[in-house]
N, C-alpha and C. Protein backbone atom coordinates (compact mmCIF):
# COMPACT_ATOMS: atom_id res chain seq x y z
N ARG A 1 0.85 -1.19 0.00
CA ARG A 1 -0.07 -0.02 -0.01
C ARG A 1 0.90 1.29 -0.01
N ASN A 2 1.92 1.26 0.73
CA ASN A 2 2.81 2.50 0.78
C ASN A 2 3.47 2.73 -0.61
N GLN A 3 3.91 1.60 -1.18
CA GLN A 3 4.46 1.73 -2.54
C GLN A 3 3.45 2.34 -3.54
N GLN A 4 2.27 1.88 -3.43
CA GLN A 4 1.14 2.41 -4.39
C GLN A 4 0.89 3.87 -4.06
N PHE A 5 1.01 4.32 -2.70
CA PHE A 5 0.83 5.68 -2.39
C PHE A 5 2.01 6.49 -3.00
N ASN A 6 3.30 5.95 -2.84
CA ASN A 6 4.41 6.68 -3.32
C ASN A 6 4.43 6.86 -4.76
N ASN A 7 3.93 5.79 -5.53
CA ASN A 7 3.88 6.01 -7.03
C ASN A 7 2.86 7.05 -7.37
N GLY A 8 1.69 7.07 -6.74
CA GLY A 8 0.74 8.12 -6.98
C GLY A 8 1.24 9.47 -6.60
N TYR A 9 2.00 9.61 -5.54
CA TYR A 9 2.44 10.80 -5.05
C TYR A 9 3.49 11.35 -5.97
N LYS A 10 4.35 10.49 -6.56
CA LYS A 10 5.39 10.87 -7.46
C LYS A 10 4.64 11.49 -8.71
N ARG A 11 3.71 10.86 -9.25
CA ARG A 11 2.88 11.42 -10.37
C ARG A 11 2.43 12.80 -10.16
N LEU A 12 1.91 13.01 -8.91
CA LEU A 12 1.37 14.34 -8.50
C LEU A 12 2.54 15.35 -8.40
N LEU A 13 3.63 14.90 -7.87
CA LEU A 13 4.86 15.89 -7.81
C LEU A 13 5.25 16.28 -9.25
N CYS A 14 5.19 15.40 -10.13
CA CYS A 14 5.76 15.71 -11.45
C CYS A 14 4.73 16.59 -12.19
N SER A 15 3.53 16.82 -11.67
CA SER A 15 2.65 17.62 -12.44
C SER A 15 2.74 19.16 -11.94
N VAL A 16 3.55 19.39 -10.94
CA VAL A 16 3.56 20.80 -10.47
C VAL A 16 4.90 21.33 -11.05
N ASP A 17 4.95 22.75 -10.95
CA ASP A 17 6.12 23.37 -11.60
C ASP A 17 7.23 23.51 -10.59
N ARG A 18 6.90 23.74 -9.40
CA ARG A 18 8.00 23.96 -8.40
C ARG A 18 7.56 23.55 -6.93
N ILE A 19 8.43 22.95 -6.25
CA ILE A 19 8.16 22.51 -4.90
C ILE A 19 8.98 23.13 -3.94
N ILE A 20 8.25 23.72 -2.84
CA ILE A 20 9.02 24.45 -1.75
C ILE A 20 8.95 23.54 -0.49
N PHE A 21 10.14 23.14 -0.14
CA PHE A 21 10.25 22.32 1.14
C PHE A 21 10.47 23.24 2.28
N MET A 22 9.62 23.17 3.23
CA MET A 22 9.67 23.92 4.51
C MET A 22 10.60 23.41 5.50
N GLY A 23 11.95 23.53 5.26
CA GLY A 23 12.93 23.04 6.14
C GLY A 23 13.79 21.98 5.60
N ASP A 24 15.03 21.75 6.05
CA ASP A 24 15.94 20.62 5.48
C ASP A 24 15.32 19.24 5.89
N SER A 25 14.68 19.24 7.01
CA SER A 25 14.29 17.84 7.52
C SER A 25 13.15 17.31 6.62
N VAL A 26 12.20 18.28 6.18
CA VAL A 26 11.30 17.90 5.20
C VAL A 26 11.75 17.29 3.88
N TYR A 27 12.80 18.10 3.35
CA TYR A 27 13.47 17.69 2.13
C TYR A 27 14.02 16.20 2.26
N LYS A 28 14.75 16.11 3.44
CA LYS A 28 15.44 14.86 3.60
C LYS A 28 14.40 13.70 3.81
N SER A 29 13.21 13.97 4.32
CA SER A 29 12.15 12.96 4.57
C SER A 29 11.66 12.47 3.22
N TYR A 30 11.63 13.42 2.23
CA TYR A 30 11.09 13.12 0.78
C TYR A 30 12.21 12.18 0.18
N GLY A 31 13.47 12.50 0.44
CA GLY A 31 14.56 11.75 -0.13
C GLY A 31 14.61 10.40 0.41
N ASP A 32 14.40 10.11 1.75
CA ASP A 32 14.36 8.94 2.40
C ASP A 32 13.16 8.11 1.84
N ALA A 33 12.06 8.74 1.37
CA ALA A 33 10.97 8.04 0.91
C ALA A 33 11.07 7.76 -0.63
N GLY A 34 12.14 8.20 -1.24
CA GLY A 34 12.39 8.02 -2.67
C GLY A 34 11.44 8.80 -3.57
N LEU A 35 11.07 10.02 -3.07
CA LEU A 35 10.27 10.86 -3.79
C LEU A 35 10.87 11.96 -4.53
N LEU A 36 12.24 12.13 -4.58
CA LEU A 36 12.92 13.05 -5.15
C LEU A 36 13.41 12.88 -6.54
N ASP A 37 13.23 11.70 -7.03
CA ASP A 37 13.84 11.24 -8.32
C ASP A 37 13.38 12.07 -9.59
N ASP A 38 12.11 12.30 -9.66
CA ASP A 38 11.53 13.02 -10.77
C ASP A 38 10.86 14.35 -10.53
N ILE A 39 11.24 14.96 -9.44
CA ILE A 39 10.53 16.21 -9.11
C ILE A 39 11.09 17.25 -10.08
N PRO A 40 10.28 18.39 -10.19
CA PRO A 40 10.77 19.55 -10.98
C PRO A 40 11.67 20.46 -10.10
N GLU A 41 11.78 21.66 -10.39
CA GLU A 41 12.49 22.59 -9.61
C GLU A 41 12.04 22.62 -8.10
N PHE A 42 12.89 22.88 -7.29
CA PHE A 42 12.57 23.01 -5.91
C PHE A 42 13.46 23.91 -5.12
N SER A 43 12.95 24.35 -3.95
CA SER A 43 13.83 25.17 -3.06
C SER A 43 13.48 24.75 -1.58
N ILE A 44 14.50 25.06 -0.81
CA ILE A 44 14.26 24.71 0.59
C ILE A 44 14.16 26.01 1.42
N ASP A 45 13.04 26.35 2.02
CA ASP A 45 12.79 27.63 2.77
C ASP A 45 12.70 27.41 4.12
N SER A 46 12.83 28.42 4.93
CA SER A 46 12.62 28.27 6.34
C SER A 46 11.16 28.32 6.83
N PRO A 47 10.62 27.55 7.73
CA PRO A 47 9.15 27.69 8.04
C PRO A 47 8.99 28.72 9.01
N TYR A 48 9.90 29.50 9.40
CA TYR A 48 9.88 30.50 10.44
C TYR A 48 9.37 31.84 9.86
N ILE A 49 8.25 32.37 10.44
CA ILE A 49 7.84 33.63 10.10
C ILE A 49 7.87 34.45 11.38
N PRO A 50 8.76 35.45 11.41
CA PRO A 50 8.99 36.31 12.53
C PRO A 50 7.75 36.95 12.94
N PRO A 51 7.51 36.90 14.37
CA PRO A 51 6.27 37.65 14.81
C PRO A 51 6.51 39.05 14.99
N ASP A 52 5.60 39.89 15.31
CA ASP A 52 5.78 41.27 15.69
C ASP A 52 6.36 41.31 17.17
N TYR A 53 7.73 41.69 17.17
CA TYR A 53 8.35 41.69 18.47
C TYR A 53 8.22 42.98 19.37
N THR A 54 7.28 43.75 19.00
CA THR A 54 7.00 45.04 19.79
C THR A 54 6.07 44.76 20.86
N ASN A 55 6.10 45.74 21.87
CA ASN A 55 5.21 45.58 23.05
C ASN A 55 5.49 44.39 23.81
N GLN A 56 6.82 44.09 24.11
CA GLN A 56 7.10 42.87 24.76
C GLN A 56 6.59 42.77 26.14
N LYS A 57 6.73 43.89 26.92
CA LYS A 57 6.29 43.73 28.32
C LYS A 57 4.77 43.66 28.37
N GLU A 58 4.09 44.50 27.48
CA GLU A 58 2.60 44.34 27.55
C GLU A 58 2.10 42.95 27.10
N LYS A 59 2.73 42.29 26.25
CA LYS A 59 2.33 40.91 25.88
C LYS A 59 2.70 39.97 26.95
N PHE A 60 3.82 40.09 27.60
CA PHE A 60 4.17 39.21 28.74
C PHE A 60 3.15 39.49 29.91
N ASN A 61 2.62 40.60 30.01
CA ASN A 61 1.66 40.87 31.16
C ASN A 61 0.37 40.16 30.95
N GLN A 62 0.11 39.76 29.59
CA GLN A 62 -1.06 39.01 29.34
C GLN A 62 -1.12 37.49 29.89
N TYR A 63 0.15 37.14 30.24
CA TYR A 63 0.24 35.72 30.83
C TYR A 63 -0.37 35.58 32.13
N PRO A 64 -0.72 34.36 32.58
CA PRO A 64 -1.36 34.21 33.94
C PRO A 64 -0.47 34.91 34.96
N ALA A 65 -1.17 35.41 35.98
CA ALA A 65 -0.49 36.06 37.15
C ALA A 65 0.39 34.95 37.79
N SER A 66 0.02 33.74 37.91
CA SER A 66 0.76 32.78 38.53
C SER A 66 2.10 32.51 37.81
N LEU A 67 2.04 32.57 36.53
CA LEU A 67 3.34 32.33 35.81
C LEU A 67 4.30 33.50 36.01
N LYS A 68 3.74 34.73 35.88
CA LYS A 68 4.58 35.82 36.02
C LYS A 68 5.24 35.87 37.53
N GLU A 69 4.48 35.34 38.54
CA GLU A 69 4.99 35.23 39.84
C GLU A 69 6.07 34.18 39.97
N PHE A 70 5.92 33.14 39.12
CA PHE A 70 6.84 32.00 39.19
C PHE A 70 8.17 32.56 38.58
N VAL A 71 8.04 33.29 37.45
CA VAL A 71 9.34 33.64 36.86
C VAL A 71 10.09 34.64 37.79
N VAL A 72 9.44 35.42 38.55
CA VAL A 72 10.10 36.41 39.47
C VAL A 72 10.69 35.70 40.68
N LYS A 73 9.95 34.67 41.11
CA LYS A 73 10.26 33.93 42.29
C LYS A 73 11.46 33.11 42.16
N HIS A 74 11.72 32.57 40.89
CA HIS A 74 12.71 31.57 40.53
C HIS A 74 13.88 32.28 39.86
N SER A 75 15.03 31.66 40.11
CA SER A 75 16.26 32.15 39.30
C SER A 75 17.40 31.07 39.61
N PRO A 76 18.00 30.63 38.44
CA PRO A 76 17.56 30.91 37.05
C PRO A 76 16.42 30.16 36.55
N VAL A 77 15.79 30.62 35.39
CA VAL A 77 14.65 30.01 34.96
C VAL A 77 14.90 29.57 33.46
N PHE A 78 14.41 28.37 33.05
CA PHE A 78 14.54 28.06 31.71
C PHE A 78 13.25 27.35 31.27
N VAL A 79 13.16 27.23 29.90
CA VAL A 79 11.96 26.81 29.34
C VAL A 79 12.11 25.72 28.37
N VAL A 80 11.14 24.68 28.32
CA VAL A 80 11.06 23.71 27.29
C VAL A 80 9.77 23.68 26.78
N SER A 81 9.54 23.69 25.45
CA SER A 81 8.25 23.75 24.83
C SER A 81 8.02 22.77 23.70
N GLY A 82 6.72 22.58 23.41
CA GLY A 82 6.32 21.77 22.33
C GLY A 82 4.90 21.97 21.98
N TYR A 83 4.49 21.48 20.86
CA TYR A 83 3.09 21.67 20.43
C TYR A 83 2.17 20.86 21.35
N LYS A 84 2.54 19.76 21.51
CA LYS A 84 1.62 18.87 22.36
C LYS A 84 2.45 17.73 22.89
N MET A 85 1.97 16.97 23.93
CA MET A 85 2.55 15.69 24.45
C MET A 85 2.40 14.64 23.17
N MET A 86 3.64 14.22 22.73
CA MET A 86 3.68 13.22 21.61
C MET A 86 4.71 12.14 22.00
N GLN A 87 4.49 10.93 21.56
CA GLN A 87 5.49 9.85 21.69
C GLN A 87 6.06 9.55 20.26
N LEU A 88 7.34 9.17 20.40
CA LEU A 88 8.11 8.65 19.20
C LEU A 88 8.77 7.39 19.69
N ASN A 89 8.28 6.20 19.18
CA ASN A 89 8.80 4.89 19.44
C ASN A 89 8.71 4.70 21.05
N GLY A 90 7.58 5.14 21.56
CA GLY A 90 7.36 5.00 22.95
C GLY A 90 8.00 5.91 23.80
N LYS A 91 8.71 6.92 23.36
CA LYS A 91 9.44 7.84 24.10
C LYS A 91 8.92 9.33 24.02
N ASP A 92 9.19 10.20 24.91
CA ASP A 92 8.66 11.62 24.95
C ASP A 92 9.36 12.31 23.78
N LEU A 93 8.64 12.63 22.80
CA LEU A 93 9.19 13.29 21.53
C LEU A 93 9.95 14.54 21.80
N TYR A 94 9.28 15.47 22.59
CA TYR A 94 9.93 16.82 22.85
C TYR A 94 10.85 16.72 23.98
N GLY A 95 11.04 15.70 24.71
CA GLY A 95 11.90 15.58 25.88
C GLY A 95 11.55 16.37 27.09
N PHE A 96 10.33 16.44 27.35
CA PHE A 96 9.81 17.06 28.60
C PHE A 96 10.37 16.39 29.79
N ASP A 97 10.37 15.00 29.67
CA ASP A 97 10.83 14.08 30.80
C ASP A 97 12.34 14.44 31.07
N THR A 98 13.12 14.65 29.95
CA THR A 98 14.46 15.02 30.08
C THR A 98 14.70 16.31 30.79
N ALA A 99 13.85 17.26 30.46
CA ALA A 99 13.98 18.61 31.06
C ALA A 99 13.65 18.51 32.58
N ILE A 100 12.68 17.73 32.98
CA ILE A 100 12.25 17.57 34.29
C ILE A 100 13.42 16.97 35.12
N ASN A 101 14.00 15.87 34.59
CA ASN A 101 15.15 15.19 35.27
C ASN A 101 16.32 16.06 35.32
N VAL A 102 16.52 16.88 34.39
CA VAL A 102 17.62 17.85 34.40
C VAL A 102 17.39 18.86 35.52
N THR A 103 16.18 19.30 35.63
CA THR A 103 15.85 20.25 36.70
C THR A 103 16.14 19.66 38.09
N ALA A 104 15.77 18.46 38.27
CA ALA A 104 16.11 17.71 39.57
C ALA A 104 17.56 17.84 39.82
N THR A 105 18.37 17.56 38.78
CA THR A 105 19.91 17.52 39.01
C THR A 105 20.38 18.96 39.31
N LEU A 106 19.89 19.87 38.61
CA LEU A 106 20.37 21.21 38.81
C LEU A 106 19.94 21.87 40.03
N LYS A 107 18.79 21.43 40.63
CA LYS A 107 18.30 21.96 41.73
C LYS A 107 19.19 21.75 43.07
N LYS A 108 20.10 20.82 42.92
CA LYS A 108 21.03 20.48 43.95
C LYS A 108 22.11 21.65 44.07
N GLU A 109 22.28 22.31 42.88
CA GLU A 109 23.23 23.42 42.84
C GLU A 109 22.53 24.82 42.85
N TYR A 110 21.34 24.86 42.18
CA TYR A 110 20.67 26.08 42.15
C TYR A 110 19.27 25.91 42.80
N SER A 111 19.23 26.23 44.09
CA SER A 111 18.12 25.91 44.86
C SER A 111 16.85 26.64 44.45
N ARG A 112 17.05 27.76 43.76
CA ARG A 112 15.72 28.47 43.30
C ARG A 112 15.40 28.34 41.81
N ILE A 113 16.01 27.29 41.21
CA ILE A 113 15.84 27.09 39.75
C ILE A 113 14.38 26.82 39.43
N GLY A 114 13.97 27.22 38.26
CA GLY A 114 12.64 27.11 37.82
C GLY A 114 12.68 26.51 36.37
N LEU A 115 11.71 25.67 36.09
CA LEU A 115 11.49 25.29 34.76
C LEU A 115 10.03 25.50 34.32
N VAL A 116 9.87 26.10 33.16
CA VAL A 116 8.48 26.33 32.55
C VAL A 116 8.30 25.45 31.46
N VAL A 117 7.30 24.50 31.50
CA VAL A 117 6.90 23.60 30.54
C VAL A 117 5.79 24.25 29.70
N VAL A 118 6.01 24.47 28.42
CA VAL A 118 4.96 25.12 27.63
C VAL A 118 4.41 24.15 26.60
N LEU A 119 3.07 24.09 26.55
CA LEU A 119 2.32 23.23 25.59
C LEU A 119 1.24 24.02 24.90
N GLY A 120 1.10 23.79 23.62
CA GLY A 120 0.02 24.44 22.93
C GLY A 120 -1.29 23.78 23.36
N THR A 121 -1.23 22.46 23.42
CA THR A 121 -2.50 21.66 23.89
C THR A 121 -1.99 20.35 24.56
N LYS A 122 -2.87 19.73 25.29
CA LYS A 122 -2.37 18.59 26.04
C LYS A 122 -1.77 17.40 25.33
N GLY A 123 -2.43 17.00 24.29
CA GLY A 123 -1.95 15.89 23.47
C GLY A 123 -2.14 14.54 24.07
N ASP A 124 -1.15 13.75 24.01
CA ASP A 124 -1.27 12.38 24.68
C ASP A 124 -1.56 12.46 26.05
N GLU A 125 -2.77 11.97 26.52
CA GLU A 125 -3.28 12.04 27.85
C GLU A 125 -2.38 11.25 28.76
N THR A 126 -1.96 10.00 28.39
CA THR A 126 -1.12 9.00 29.12
C THR A 126 0.18 9.71 29.47
N LEU A 127 0.79 10.35 28.36
CA LEU A 127 2.13 10.90 28.52
C LEU A 127 2.06 12.20 29.44
N PHE A 128 1.01 12.92 29.33
CA PHE A 128 0.76 14.13 30.05
C PHE A 128 0.64 13.74 31.50
N CYS A 129 -0.20 12.75 31.80
CA CYS A 129 -0.29 12.36 33.23
C CYS A 129 1.09 11.77 33.69
N ALA A 130 1.78 11.21 32.92
CA ALA A 130 3.03 10.56 33.34
C ALA A 130 4.10 11.65 33.59
N THR A 131 4.00 12.81 32.84
CA THR A 131 4.83 13.95 33.10
C THR A 131 4.58 14.57 34.44
N LEU A 132 3.28 14.70 34.74
CA LEU A 132 2.85 15.37 36.00
C LEU A 132 3.26 14.37 37.20
N ALA A 133 3.20 13.20 36.98
CA ALA A 133 3.64 12.26 37.95
C ALA A 133 5.11 12.27 38.28
N LEU A 134 5.85 12.56 37.16
CA LEU A 134 7.34 12.60 37.30
C LEU A 134 7.67 13.82 38.22
N ILE A 135 7.03 14.93 37.98
CA ILE A 135 7.29 16.12 38.69
C ILE A 135 6.98 15.90 40.15
N LYS A 136 5.91 15.17 40.48
CA LYS A 136 5.59 14.92 41.89
C LYS A 136 6.62 13.96 42.49
N GLU A 137 7.01 12.94 41.65
CA GLU A 137 7.82 11.86 42.16
C GLU A 137 9.21 12.55 42.53
N LEU A 138 9.65 13.54 41.80
CA LEU A 138 10.94 14.24 42.00
C LEU A 138 10.77 15.37 42.90
N ASN A 139 9.56 15.56 43.53
CA ASN A 139 9.39 16.61 44.44
C ASN A 139 9.62 17.98 43.86
N LEU A 140 9.26 18.16 42.63
CA LEU A 140 9.57 19.35 41.93
C LEU A 140 8.26 20.34 41.73
N GLN A 141 7.29 20.01 42.59
CA GLN A 141 6.00 20.87 42.31
C GLN A 141 6.22 22.35 42.36
N ASP A 142 7.18 22.81 43.24
CA ASP A 142 7.47 24.14 43.39
C ASP A 142 8.42 24.73 42.32
N ALA A 143 9.10 23.76 41.55
CA ALA A 143 10.10 24.18 40.77
C ALA A 143 9.78 24.03 39.19
N VAL A 144 8.60 23.45 38.95
CA VAL A 144 8.21 23.37 37.51
C VAL A 144 6.80 23.92 37.45
N TYR A 145 6.65 24.69 36.39
CA TYR A 145 5.37 25.35 36.03
C TYR A 145 4.95 24.79 34.60
N VAL A 146 3.68 24.29 34.65
CA VAL A 146 3.21 23.73 33.30
C VAL A 146 2.17 24.56 32.75
N LEU A 147 2.41 25.23 31.56
CA LEU A 147 1.44 26.09 30.91
C LEU A 147 0.84 25.33 29.65
N CYS A 148 -0.35 24.99 29.65
CA CYS A 148 -1.02 24.32 28.56
C CYS A 148 -2.06 25.21 28.04
N ASP A 149 -1.69 26.13 26.96
CA ASP A 149 -2.61 26.97 26.45
C ASP A 149 -2.01 27.60 25.18
N SER A 150 -2.72 27.42 24.05
CA SER A 150 -2.17 28.05 22.72
C SER A 150 -2.50 29.42 22.43
N THR A 151 -3.11 30.11 23.41
CA THR A 151 -3.59 31.47 23.12
C THR A 151 -2.38 32.50 23.34
N TYR A 152 -1.40 32.14 23.96
CA TYR A 152 -0.24 33.01 24.25
C TYR A 152 0.88 32.85 23.28
N GLU A 153 1.45 34.00 22.92
CA GLU A 153 2.69 33.92 22.13
C GLU A 153 3.82 33.51 22.98
N LEU A 154 4.72 32.67 22.45
CA LEU A 154 5.82 32.14 23.34
C LEU A 154 6.96 33.16 23.54
N TRP A 155 7.20 34.03 22.57
CA TRP A 155 8.45 34.79 22.51
C TRP A 155 8.45 35.78 23.80
N PRO A 156 7.31 36.41 24.23
CA PRO A 156 7.42 37.27 25.34
C PRO A 156 7.91 36.69 26.63
N LEU A 157 7.57 35.35 26.79
CA LEU A 157 8.10 34.53 27.91
C LEU A 157 9.54 34.34 27.74
N LEU A 158 9.99 33.93 26.51
CA LEU A 158 11.35 33.59 26.23
C LEU A 158 12.20 34.76 26.54
N ALA A 159 11.73 36.03 26.32
CA ALA A 159 12.56 37.18 26.50
C ALA A 159 12.81 37.51 28.07
N GLN A 160 11.98 36.74 28.87
CA GLN A 160 12.03 36.96 30.36
C GLN A 160 12.92 35.83 31.07
N VAL A 161 13.30 34.76 30.33
CA VAL A 161 13.98 33.69 31.03
C VAL A 161 15.44 33.62 30.69
N ASP A 162 16.19 32.68 31.17
CA ASP A 162 17.62 32.62 31.03
C ASP A 162 18.00 31.76 29.93
N VAL A 163 17.22 30.69 29.63
CA VAL A 163 17.69 29.72 28.56
C VAL A 163 16.37 28.90 28.08
N LEU A 164 16.42 28.65 26.80
CA LEU A 164 15.50 27.74 26.25
C LEU A 164 16.19 26.31 25.84
N ILE A 165 15.58 25.32 26.25
CA ILE A 165 16.26 23.92 25.82
C ILE A 165 15.27 23.34 24.97
N ARG A 166 15.81 22.58 23.91
CA ARG A 166 15.02 21.82 23.10
C ARG A 166 15.53 20.35 22.85
N PRO A 167 15.29 19.55 23.75
CA PRO A 167 15.91 18.19 23.87
C PRO A 167 15.02 17.16 23.14
N SER A 168 14.52 17.56 21.90
CA SER A 168 13.56 16.78 21.16
C SER A 168 14.44 15.47 20.60
N LEU A 169 13.66 14.44 20.36
CA LEU A 169 14.19 13.34 19.81
C LEU A 169 14.16 13.34 18.22
N SER A 170 13.28 14.18 17.71
CA SER A 170 13.18 14.38 16.27
C SER A 170 12.57 15.78 16.21
N ASP A 171 12.96 16.44 15.01
CA ASP A 171 12.57 17.86 14.83
C ASP A 171 12.67 18.28 13.40
N ASN A 172 12.04 19.27 13.08
CA ASN A 172 12.05 19.83 11.69
C ASN A 172 12.97 21.09 11.72
N PHE A 173 12.40 22.09 12.49
CA PHE A 173 13.21 23.38 12.62
C PHE A 173 13.17 23.87 13.91
N GLY A 174 11.99 23.91 14.58
CA GLY A 174 11.90 24.42 16.03
C GLY A 174 11.63 25.94 15.95
N ILE A 175 10.47 26.39 15.83
CA ILE A 175 10.15 27.72 15.77
C ILE A 175 10.55 28.48 17.10
N ALA A 176 10.40 27.77 18.16
CA ALA A 176 10.75 28.29 19.52
C ALA A 176 12.26 28.72 19.45
N VAL A 177 13.03 27.86 18.85
CA VAL A 177 14.50 28.09 18.76
C VAL A 177 14.72 29.50 18.16
N ALA A 178 14.11 29.77 16.98
CA ALA A 178 14.34 30.96 16.28
C ALA A 178 13.82 32.23 17.09
N GLU A 179 12.70 31.99 17.77
CA GLU A 179 12.03 33.09 18.60
C GLU A 179 13.10 33.49 19.74
N ALA A 180 13.50 32.38 20.41
CA ALA A 180 14.41 32.64 21.48
C ALA A 180 15.67 33.47 21.14
N LEU A 181 16.17 32.98 20.08
CA LEU A 181 17.45 33.67 19.62
C LEU A 181 17.18 35.08 19.21
N ALA A 182 16.01 35.31 18.59
CA ALA A 182 15.60 36.74 18.11
C ALA A 182 15.42 37.69 19.32
N VAL A 183 15.14 37.15 20.48
CA VAL A 183 14.90 38.03 21.66
C VAL A 183 16.28 37.96 22.61
N GLY A 184 17.25 37.25 22.11
CA GLY A 184 18.51 37.31 22.90
C GLY A 184 18.69 36.24 23.89
N THR A 185 17.67 35.28 23.99
CA THR A 185 17.89 34.24 24.89
C THR A 185 18.60 32.96 24.41
N PRO A 186 19.50 32.47 25.19
CA PRO A 186 20.36 31.38 24.65
C PRO A 186 19.54 30.25 24.42
N VAL A 187 19.96 29.37 23.49
CA VAL A 187 19.23 28.12 23.15
C VAL A 187 20.22 26.89 23.21
N ILE A 188 19.76 25.82 23.81
CA ILE A 188 20.54 24.55 23.70
C ILE A 188 19.59 23.50 23.17
N ALA A 189 20.05 22.86 22.05
CA ALA A 189 19.08 22.07 21.33
C ALA A 189 19.82 20.69 20.98
N SER A 190 19.05 19.61 20.77
CA SER A 190 19.69 18.37 20.50
C SER A 190 20.05 18.48 19.00
N ASP A 191 20.94 17.62 18.53
CA ASP A 191 21.45 17.64 17.16
C ASP A 191 20.68 16.71 16.23
N VAL A 192 19.36 16.66 16.40
CA VAL A 192 18.50 15.75 15.48
C VAL A 192 18.18 16.36 14.15
N CYS A 193 18.49 17.68 14.02
CA CYS A 193 18.35 18.34 12.71
C CYS A 193 19.12 19.66 12.67
N LYS A 194 19.25 20.19 11.51
CA LYS A 194 19.97 21.44 11.32
C LYS A 194 19.33 22.52 12.16
N ARG A 195 20.16 23.13 13.07
CA ARG A 195 19.51 24.15 14.02
C ARG A 195 19.75 25.54 13.60
N GLN A 196 19.07 26.43 14.08
CA GLN A 196 19.13 27.89 13.71
C GLN A 196 20.60 28.27 14.15
N LYS A 197 21.26 29.12 13.31
CA LYS A 197 22.58 29.74 13.61
C LYS A 197 22.51 30.32 14.96
N GLY A 198 23.37 30.04 15.88
CA GLY A 198 23.47 30.77 17.23
C GLY A 198 23.00 29.77 18.30
N ALA A 199 22.34 28.72 17.96
CA ALA A 199 21.91 27.67 19.02
C ALA A 199 23.07 26.83 19.31
N GLN A 200 23.31 26.41 20.55
CA GLN A 200 24.25 25.61 21.05
C GLN A 200 23.62 24.15 20.83
N VAL A 201 24.38 23.15 20.26
CA VAL A 201 23.90 21.85 19.88
C VAL A 201 24.61 20.89 20.66
N TYR A 202 23.92 19.82 21.09
CA TYR A 202 24.56 18.75 21.90
C TYR A 202 23.98 17.41 21.33
N PRO A 203 24.70 16.29 21.53
CA PRO A 203 24.18 15.00 21.08
C PRO A 203 22.93 14.63 21.78
N VAL A 204 22.04 14.19 20.97
CA VAL A 204 20.69 13.93 21.54
C VAL A 204 20.86 12.74 22.56
N ASN A 205 20.14 12.77 23.62
CA ASN A 205 20.35 11.78 24.81
C ASN A 205 21.57 11.92 25.66
N ASP A 206 22.43 12.89 25.23
CA ASP A 206 23.59 13.10 26.12
C ASP A 206 23.31 14.15 27.27
N THR A 207 22.56 13.61 28.22
CA THR A 207 22.10 14.50 29.35
C THR A 207 23.18 15.28 30.06
N ALA A 208 24.37 14.63 30.21
CA ALA A 208 25.36 15.18 30.94
C ALA A 208 25.90 16.50 30.17
N GLN A 209 25.96 16.35 28.82
CA GLN A 209 26.45 17.50 28.10
C GLN A 209 25.38 18.61 28.08
N LEU A 210 24.13 18.18 27.99
CA LEU A 210 23.06 19.16 28.06
C LEU A 210 23.02 20.02 29.36
N ILE A 211 23.27 19.32 30.54
CA ILE A 211 23.43 19.97 31.89
C ILE A 211 24.61 20.95 31.77
N GLN A 212 25.71 20.51 31.36
CA GLN A 212 26.91 21.39 31.28
C GLN A 212 26.71 22.62 30.39
N HIS A 213 25.99 22.44 29.30
CA HIS A 213 25.73 23.73 28.50
C HIS A 213 24.79 24.61 29.29
N ILE A 214 23.86 24.01 29.96
CA ILE A 214 22.90 24.80 30.71
C ILE A 214 23.58 25.59 31.85
N LYS A 215 24.56 24.97 32.48
CA LYS A 215 25.28 25.60 33.53
C LYS A 215 26.15 26.81 32.98
N ASN A 216 26.81 26.46 31.89
CA ASN A 216 27.53 27.43 31.24
C ASN A 216 26.75 28.65 30.91
N CYS A 217 25.55 28.57 30.42
CA CYS A 217 24.55 29.64 30.07
C CYS A 217 24.31 30.41 31.42
N PHE A 218 24.02 29.71 32.44
CA PHE A 218 23.69 30.35 33.64
C PHE A 218 24.78 31.23 34.16
N LEU A 219 25.99 30.67 34.02
CA LEU A 219 27.23 31.38 34.49
C LEU A 219 27.52 32.61 33.58
N LEU A 220 27.31 32.54 32.31
CA LEU A 220 27.49 33.67 31.51
C LEU A 220 26.51 34.88 31.77
N LYS A 221 25.13 34.30 32.04
CA LYS A 221 24.20 35.26 32.38
C LYS A 221 24.46 36.02 33.61
N LYS A 222 25.06 35.31 34.68
CA LYS A 222 25.29 35.89 35.89
C LYS A 222 26.47 36.88 35.78
N GLN A 223 27.43 36.61 34.81
CA GLN A 223 28.50 37.52 34.66
C GLN A 223 28.22 38.80 33.94
N LYS A 224 27.06 38.90 33.30
CA LYS A 224 26.78 40.03 32.44
C LYS A 224 26.29 41.15 33.44
């Protein structure tokens, strides 16, 4: 059935004048599926459309009061984000579990550390509940804030924190990465795809290196 679909899709691709791939990972996925052999002209563009970065404080003030209090109360603060809870081969796609475990480790050195978990929507209910259970198991209820709401722009929050991490197991581009860099917030991301220039990249699943990068960012921020 997949071969039949690919053959039909190839015929469709041959009927268009130009194909625009939104990111290198999308282009690579077409190649892996054998769909690039007979395509016409193509280009690879960024899926990132910069938002309006004006009125930063005003837009941040639209966030829940509890989140704003959390950011003020904790230091340093870092963010992990994703569209929704999703699994890849039975594992947390966006690495929320990694971020929470990293918080537990860093809390031994940074007693006031805070992690903000940002979701557009809940997604996988089982994974969402497991994530909340992990926060409780590690006694991090006061150190982790979970925001599950797609009505807020992410960049005003990113402008207020110390680091964004992107420990995803698979990725295409990572809009949050581009937004964080645009507002001057350091980014540490896994090496599962080509990352935006300026992001610090570490080998996926190498938690020790991720932690070291985070600590380096905290140190640099403190020295400024």
